[in-house]
């Protein structure tokens, strides 16, 4: 087998894995952006007078992110349960 053919075969094997990684990165990036947008709208009151979050904003943001992950986990678990044959 020639070197070029081996490279082509390796490339064909890497491509699905790379596509899966890119999809995972897009999903994580989307989730991070949604969390940031939603929690910012809910917890951060503008205009900004201080360079750091106030105590209330910090607590609200922490709870918002925790709730987002909790709900995401519960929805994923429900969907996974429905996909399993009964």
N, C-alpha and C. Protein backbone atom coordinates (compact mmCIF):
# COMPACT_ATOMS: atom_id res chain seq x y z
N UNK A 1 0.84 -1.17 0.00
CA UNK A 1 0.00 0.00 0.00
C UNK A 1 0.89 1.24 0.00
N UNK A 2 0.56 2.16 -0.84
CA UNK A 2 1.38 3.37 -0.95
C UNK A 2 1.14 4.30 0.23
N UNK A 3 2.09 5.17 0.43
CA UNK A 3 2.01 6.15 1.52
C UNK A 3 0.80 7.07 1.34
N UNK A 4 0.53 7.48 0.10
CA UNK A 4 -0.60 8.38 -0.18
C UNK A 4 -1.92 7.70 0.15
N UNK A 5 -2.03 6.43 -0.18
CA UNK A 5 -3.26 5.69 0.10
C UNK A 5 -3.49 5.55 1.60
N UNK A 6 -2.40 5.31 2.34
CA UNK A 6 -2.51 5.21 3.79
C UNK A 6 -2.98 6.54 4.38
N UNK A 7 -2.44 7.63 3.87
CA UNK A 7 -2.85 8.95 4.35
C UNK A 7 -4.32 9.20 4.06
N UNK A 8 -4.79 8.82 2.89
CA UNK A 8 -6.19 9.00 2.54
C UNK A 8 -7.10 8.19 3.45
N UNK A 9 -6.70 6.96 3.76
CA UNK A 9 -7.50 6.13 4.65
C UNK A 9 -7.54 6.71 6.05
N UNK A 10 -6.39 7.19 6.52
CA UNK A 10 -6.36 7.82 7.84
C UNK A 10 -7.23 9.06 7.87
N UNK A 11 -7.19 9.86 6.80
CA UNK A 11 -8.00 11.07 6.72
C UNK A 11 -9.49 10.72 6.76
N UNK A 12 -9.87 9.66 6.08
CA UNK A 12 -11.27 9.25 6.06
C UNK A 12 -11.74 8.79 7.44
N UNK A 13 -10.84 8.22 8.24
CA UNK A 13 -11.18 7.79 9.58
C UNK A 13 -11.25 8.97 10.53
N UNK A 14 -10.41 9.95 10.32
CA UNK A 14 -10.36 11.12 11.20
C UNK A 14 -11.55 12.04 10.95
N UNK A 15 -12.03 12.12 9.74
CA UNK A 15 -13.08 13.07 9.38
C UNK A 15 -14.35 12.90 10.22
N UNK A 16 -14.91 11.69 10.40
CA UNK A 16 -16.10 11.57 11.25
C UNK A 16 -15.84 11.98 12.70
N UNK A 17 -14.67 11.63 13.22
CA UNK A 17 -14.34 12.02 14.59
C UNK A 17 -14.21 13.53 14.70
N UNK A 18 -13.60 14.14 13.71
CA UNK A 18 -13.45 15.60 13.71
C UNK A 18 -14.80 16.28 13.61
N UNK A 19 -15.67 15.75 12.77
CA UNK A 19 -17.02 16.32 12.65
C UNK A 19 -17.78 16.21 13.96
N UNK A 20 -17.63 15.10 14.66
CA UNK A 20 -18.29 14.92 15.95
C UNK A 20 -17.75 15.92 16.98
N UNK A 21 -16.44 16.13 16.97
CA UNK A 21 -15.84 17.09 17.89
C UNK A 21 -16.30 18.51 17.58
N UNK A 22 -16.38 18.85 16.31
CA UNK A 22 -16.85 20.18 15.92
C UNK A 22 -18.30 20.38 16.35
N UNK A 23 -19.13 19.36 16.19
CA UNK A 23 -20.52 19.44 16.62
C UNK A 23 -20.61 19.64 18.12
N UNK A 24 -19.76 18.92 18.86
CA UNK A 24 -19.74 19.06 20.32
C UNK A 24 -19.32 20.46 20.73
N UNK A 25 -18.31 21.00 20.05
CA UNK A 25 -17.85 22.36 20.35
C UNK A 25 -18.95 23.39 20.05
N UNK A 26 -19.65 23.21 18.93
CA UNK A 26 -20.75 24.12 18.59
C UNK A 26 -21.85 24.06 19.63
N UNK A 27 -22.17 22.86 20.09
CA UNK A 27 -23.21 22.69 21.10
C UNK A 27 -22.81 23.36 22.41
N UNK A 28 -21.57 23.15 22.84
CA UNK A 28 -21.10 23.75 24.09
C UNK A 28 -21.05 25.27 23.97
N UNK A 29 -20.60 25.76 22.83
CA UNK A 29 -20.53 27.20 22.62
C UNK A 29 -21.92 27.82 22.65
N UNK A 30 -22.87 27.15 22.00
CA UNK A 30 -24.25 27.63 22.01
C UNK A 30 -24.82 27.65 23.42
N UNK A 31 -24.57 26.60 24.19
CA UNK A 31 -25.07 26.54 25.56
C UNK A 31 -24.45 27.65 26.41
N UNK A 32 -23.16 27.85 26.28
CA UNK A 32 -22.48 28.91 27.03
C UNK A 32 -23.07 30.28 26.68
N UNK A 33 -23.30 30.53 25.41
CA UNK A 33 -23.87 31.82 24.99
C UNK A 33 -25.29 32.00 25.50
N UNK A 34 -26.10 30.94 25.47
CA UNK A 34 -27.46 31.04 25.98
C UNK A 34 -27.48 31.31 27.48
N UNK A 35 -26.62 30.62 28.23
CA UNK A 35 -26.54 30.85 29.67
C UNK A 35 -26.15 32.30 29.94
N UNK A 36 -25.13 32.75 29.25
CA UNK A 36 -24.67 34.13 29.46
C UNK A 36 -25.75 35.15 29.15
N UNK A 37 -26.44 34.96 28.03
CA UNK A 37 -27.48 35.90 27.63
C UNK A 37 -28.66 35.88 28.59
N UNK A 38 -29.16 34.68 28.90
CA UNK A 38 -30.33 34.57 29.76
C UNK A 38 -30.07 35.08 31.17
N UNK A 39 -28.94 34.65 31.75
CA UNK A 39 -28.64 35.06 33.12
C UNK A 39 -28.28 36.54 33.19
N UNK A 40 -27.67 37.08 32.15
CA UNK A 40 -27.36 38.51 32.13
C UNK A 40 -28.66 39.33 32.10
N UNK A 41 -29.58 38.92 31.23
CA UNK A 41 -30.86 39.63 31.14
C UNK A 41 -31.63 39.57 32.45
N UNK A 42 -31.55 38.44 33.12
CA UNK A 42 -32.31 38.26 34.36
C UNK A 42 -31.66 38.93 35.56
N UNK A 43 -30.34 38.89 35.65
CA UNK A 43 -29.67 39.25 36.89
C UNK A 43 -28.91 40.58 36.89
N UNK A 44 -28.45 41.01 35.75
CA UNK A 44 -27.61 42.21 35.70
C UNK A 44 -28.46 43.40 35.30
N UNK A 45 -28.57 44.33 36.20
CA UNK A 45 -29.38 45.52 35.95
C UNK A 45 -28.44 46.63 35.47
N UNK A 46 -28.70 47.16 34.29
CA UNK A 46 -27.88 48.24 33.75
C UNK A 46 -28.50 49.57 34.10
N UNK A 47 -27.89 50.65 33.99
CA UNK A 47 -26.51 50.85 33.54
C UNK A 47 -25.50 50.40 34.60
N UNK A 48 -24.28 50.20 34.14
CA UNK A 48 -23.23 49.69 35.03
C UNK A 48 -22.57 50.85 35.77
N UNK A 49 -22.63 50.76 37.11
CA UNK A 49 -21.99 51.79 37.92
C UNK A 49 -20.72 51.27 38.58
N UNK A 50 -20.58 49.95 38.68
CA UNK A 50 -19.43 49.36 39.34
C UNK A 50 -18.72 48.40 38.38
N UNK A 51 -17.41 48.25 38.53
CA UNK A 51 -16.68 47.36 37.62
C UNK A 51 -16.89 45.87 37.90
N UNK A 52 -17.44 45.55 39.06
CA UNK A 52 -17.68 44.15 39.43
C UNK A 52 -19.16 43.96 39.73
N UNK A 53 -19.57 42.71 39.80
CA UNK A 53 -20.96 42.41 40.13
C UNK A 53 -21.24 42.75 41.58
N UNK A 54 -22.45 43.20 41.84
CA UNK A 54 -22.86 43.40 43.22
C UNK A 54 -23.12 42.03 43.85
N UNK A 55 -23.30 42.00 45.15
CA UNK A 55 -23.57 40.73 45.84
C UNK A 55 -24.85 40.10 45.29
N UNK A 56 -25.90 40.90 45.12
CA UNK A 56 -27.16 40.38 44.61
C UNK A 56 -27.04 39.85 43.19
N UNK A 57 -26.32 40.57 42.34
CA UNK A 57 -26.12 40.12 40.96
C UNK A 57 -25.32 38.82 40.91
N UNK A 58 -24.33 38.73 41.77
CA UNK A 58 -23.50 37.53 41.82
C UNK A 58 -24.30 36.31 42.27
N UNK A 59 -25.10 36.47 43.31
CA UNK A 59 -25.92 35.37 43.82
C UNK A 59 -26.97 34.98 42.78
N UNK A 60 -27.59 35.95 42.16
CA UNK A 60 -28.60 35.69 41.13
C UNK A 60 -27.98 34.93 39.95
N UNK A 61 -26.82 35.36 39.50
CA UNK A 61 -26.15 34.70 38.38
C UNK A 61 -25.78 33.27 38.73
N UNK A 62 -25.26 33.07 39.94
CA UNK A 62 -24.90 31.73 40.39
C UNK A 62 -26.13 30.81 40.39
N UNK A 63 -27.23 31.28 40.92
CA UNK A 63 -28.46 30.49 40.95
C UNK A 63 -29.01 30.25 39.55
N UNK A 64 -28.94 31.24 38.70
CA UNK A 64 -29.43 31.12 37.34
C UNK A 64 -28.67 30.04 36.58
N UNK A 65 -27.35 30.04 36.68
CA UNK A 65 -26.54 29.04 36.00
C UNK A 65 -26.82 27.65 36.57
N UNK A 66 -26.94 27.55 37.89
CA UNK A 66 -27.23 26.26 38.52
C UNK A 66 -28.58 25.73 38.05
N UNK A 67 -29.59 26.59 37.99
CA UNK A 67 -30.91 26.16 37.52
C UNK A 67 -30.87 25.74 36.06
N UNK A 68 -30.13 26.47 35.25
CA UNK A 68 -30.01 26.13 33.83
C UNK A 68 -29.45 24.72 33.67
N UNK A 69 -28.37 24.41 34.39
CA UNK A 69 -27.78 23.08 34.29
C UNK A 69 -28.69 22.01 34.86
N UNK A 70 -29.38 22.32 35.96
CA UNK A 70 -30.31 21.37 36.56
C UNK A 70 -31.43 21.01 35.59
N UNK A 71 -32.02 22.02 34.98
CA UNK A 71 -33.10 21.78 34.01
C UNK A 71 -32.58 21.05 32.79
N UNK A 72 -31.41 21.43 32.30
CA UNK A 72 -30.82 20.74 31.14
C UNK A 72 -30.59 19.27 31.44
N UNK A 73 -30.11 18.96 32.64
CA UNK A 73 -29.88 17.57 33.03
C UNK A 73 -31.20 16.81 33.10
N UNK A 74 -32.22 17.42 33.70
CA UNK A 74 -33.52 16.74 33.82
C UNK A 74 -34.16 16.50 32.45
N UNK A 75 -34.07 17.46 31.57
CA UNK A 75 -34.62 17.29 30.22
C UNK A 75 -33.87 16.19 29.48
N UNK A 76 -32.56 16.18 29.59
CA UNK A 76 -31.75 15.14 28.93
C UNK A 76 -32.11 13.76 29.46
N UNK A 77 -32.30 13.66 30.78
CA UNK A 77 -32.65 12.37 31.38
C UNK A 77 -34.02 11.91 30.89
N UNK A 78 -34.98 12.83 30.81
CA UNK A 78 -36.32 12.47 30.31
C UNK A 78 -36.25 12.00 28.87
N UNK A 79 -35.52 12.72 28.04
CA UNK A 79 -35.40 12.34 26.64
C UNK A 79 -34.70 11.00 26.48
N UNK A 80 -33.68 10.77 27.28
CA UNK A 80 -32.97 9.49 27.22
C UNK A 80 -33.90 8.34 27.66
N UNK A 81 -34.73 8.60 28.66
CA UNK A 81 -35.68 7.58 29.12
C UNK A 81 -36.72 7.25 28.07
N UNK A 82 -37.15 8.23 27.31
CA UNK A 82 -38.14 8.00 26.27
C UNK A 82 -37.56 7.28 25.06
N UNK A 83 -36.26 7.42 24.84
CA UNK A 83 -35.62 6.78 23.70
C UNK A 83 -35.35 5.29 23.96
N UNK A 84 -35.27 4.90 25.22
CA UNK A 84 -35.02 3.50 25.53
C UNK A 84 -36.29 2.69 25.29
N UNK A 85 -36.14 1.50 24.65
CA UNK A 85 -37.33 0.68 24.43
C UNK A 85 -37.88 0.15 25.75
N UNK A 86 -39.18 0.12 25.83
CA UNK A 86 -39.82 -0.32 27.08
C UNK A 86 -40.42 -1.67 26.93
